Each structure stands twice: as structure tokens, then as C-alpha cells.
């Protein structure tokens, strides 16, 4: 009977030690997981931006290839300024 009571006491102590270790390590794990998720989101945003840029470039190249047979050439002296719709364009 005394041995059984002694074993129950040691199980409670082991459970207390495990709970205290989890309580000590859990904040560090949560912070690490949050940082990993933020980094993953940032990487995904960069990849999405690259995909959009590649799609715009491909669209521009496709449109430009249709203009080449019409003898349209790039004129480096011309430029386009895009401003707000609220202000009138310069003449």
C-alpha cells in the first residue's frame, strides 16, 4: 500500500515537471511560429509581385509583337507622364 501511494506521488511530481516545462517553452515556440508565418507571408507576397510583373511583361511583349509588323518602333525621345485624374494635363 505504501509503495502504491509513493508511486502516485512520483507521477504527480513528474506531471508537475512536464507542465512547468511546457509552460516555459510554449511562449518561445509561439513566437517562433508567428515569425515563421510572417516570413512565409512576406515571401508569398514577393512571389505574387513577381508573378504579376511577369504577367504584365508578357502582356506588353504580346501587344508590342503585334505592332512590329506595322513598322512601329520605340522612340527614346518620347515619354509619358501619368498623373492624377484631378489635375489637367500639361500642354
Protein backbone atom coordinates (compact mmCIF):
# COMPACT_ATOMS: atom_id res chain seq x y z
CA UNK A 1 0.00 0.00 0.00
CA UNK A 2 2.83 2.37 0.87
CA UNK A 3 4.58 1.60 -2.41
CA UNK A 4 1.42 2.39 -4.41
CA UNK A 5 0.98 5.71 -2.59
CA UNK A 6 4.66 6.51 -3.25
CA UNK A 7 4.22 5.77 -7.00
CA UNK A 8 1.18 8.05 -7.22
CA UNK A 9 3.16 10.85 -5.61
CA UNK A 10 6.02 10.45 -8.07
CA UNK A 11 3.59 10.51 -11.02
CA UNK A 12 2.15 13.79 -9.77
CA UNK A 13 5.65 15.24 -9.45
CA UNK A 14 6.53 14.09 -12.98
CA UNK A 15 3.30 15.62 -14.30
CA UNK A 16 4.11 18.87 -12.50
CA UNK A 17 7.61 18.93 -14.03
CA UNK A 18 6.23 18.28 -17.53
CA UNK A 19 3.59 21.01 -17.15
CA UNK A 20 6.20 23.50 -15.94
CA UNK A 21 8.50 22.68 -18.87
CA UNK A 22 5.64 23.13 -21.33
CA UNK A 23 4.72 26.43 -19.69
CA UNK A 24 8.32 27.62 -20.00
CA UNK A 25 8.84 26.53 -23.61
CA UNK A 26 5.43 27.37 -25.06
CA UNK A 27 5.96 31.17 -25.33
CA UNK A 28 9.19 30.64 -27.27
CA UNK A 29 7.50 28.19 -29.62
CA UNK A 30 4.57 30.54 -30.21
CA UNK A 31 6.90 33.46 -31.00
CA UNK A 32 8.91 31.30 -33.38
CA UNK A 33 5.77 30.10 -35.16
CA UNK A 34 4.43 33.65 -35.52
CA UNK A 35 7.73 34.85 -37.00
CA UNK A 36 7.79 31.89 -39.38
CA UNK A 37 4.24 32.67 -40.54
CA UNK A 38 5.10 36.37 -41.05
CA UNK A 39 8.18 35.43 -43.07
CA UNK A 40 6.15 32.97 -45.15
CA UNK A 41 3.54 35.66 -45.84
CA UNK A 42 6.27 38.12 -46.89
CA UNK A 43 7.85 35.56 -49.23
CA UNK A 44 4.43 34.78 -50.71
CA UNK A 45 3.80 38.49 -51.28
CA UNK A 46 7.13 38.85 -53.11
CA UNK A 47 6.35 35.81 -55.24
CA UNK A 48 2.91 37.19 -56.09
CA UNK A 49 4.51 40.50 -57.10
CA UNK A 50 6.94 38.66 -59.35
CA UNK A 51 4.09 36.71 -60.96
CA UNK A 52 2.14 39.92 -61.60
CA UNK A 53 5.23 41.64 -63.03
CA UNK A 54 5.91 38.68 -65.31
CA UNK A 55 2.29 38.72 -66.49
CA UNK A 56 2.47 42.45 -67.26
CA UNK A 57 5.76 41.97 -69.13
CA UNK A 58 4.30 39.09 -71.13
CA UNK A 59 1.22 41.14 -71.96
CA UNK A 60 3.34 44.08 -73.06
CA UNK A 61 5.54 41.85 -75.21
CA UNK A 62 2.47 40.27 -76.82
CA UNK A 63 0.97 43.66 -77.61
CA UNK A 64 4.30 45.01 -78.88
CA UNK A 65 4.81 41.99 -81.15
CA UNK A 66 1.51 42.86 -82.83
CA UNK A 67 2.74 46.44 -83.50
CA UNK A 68 6.10 45.49 -85.01
CA UNK A 69 4.71 44.44 -88.41
CA UNK A 70 3.12 47.89 -88.68
CA UNK A 71 6.62 49.44 -88.53
CA UNK A 72 6.13 50.81 -85.02
CA UNK A 73 9.49 51.44 -83.39
CA UNK A 74 10.44 52.60 -79.91
CA UNK A 75 11.26 56.32 -79.87
CA UNK A 76 13.50 57.08 -76.91
CA UNK A 77 12.78 60.83 -77.15
CA UNK A 78 9.10 60.34 -76.31
CA UNK A 79 7.92 59.79 -72.80
CA UNK A 80 4.64 59.56 -70.98
CA UNK A 81 3.84 61.04 -67.58
CA UNK A 82 0.91 59.52 -65.73
CA UNK A 83 -0.58 61.88 -63.17
CA UNK A 84 -3.73 62.15 -61.14
CA UNK A 85 -7.05 62.49 -62.92
CA UNK A 86 -7.85 65.50 -60.75
CA UNK A 87 -5.22 67.75 -62.36
CA UNK A 88 -5.32 68.81 -66.03
CA UNK A 89 -2.51 67.58 -68.28
CA UNK A 90 0.32 69.87 -69.30
CA UNK A 91 0.20 71.16 -72.87
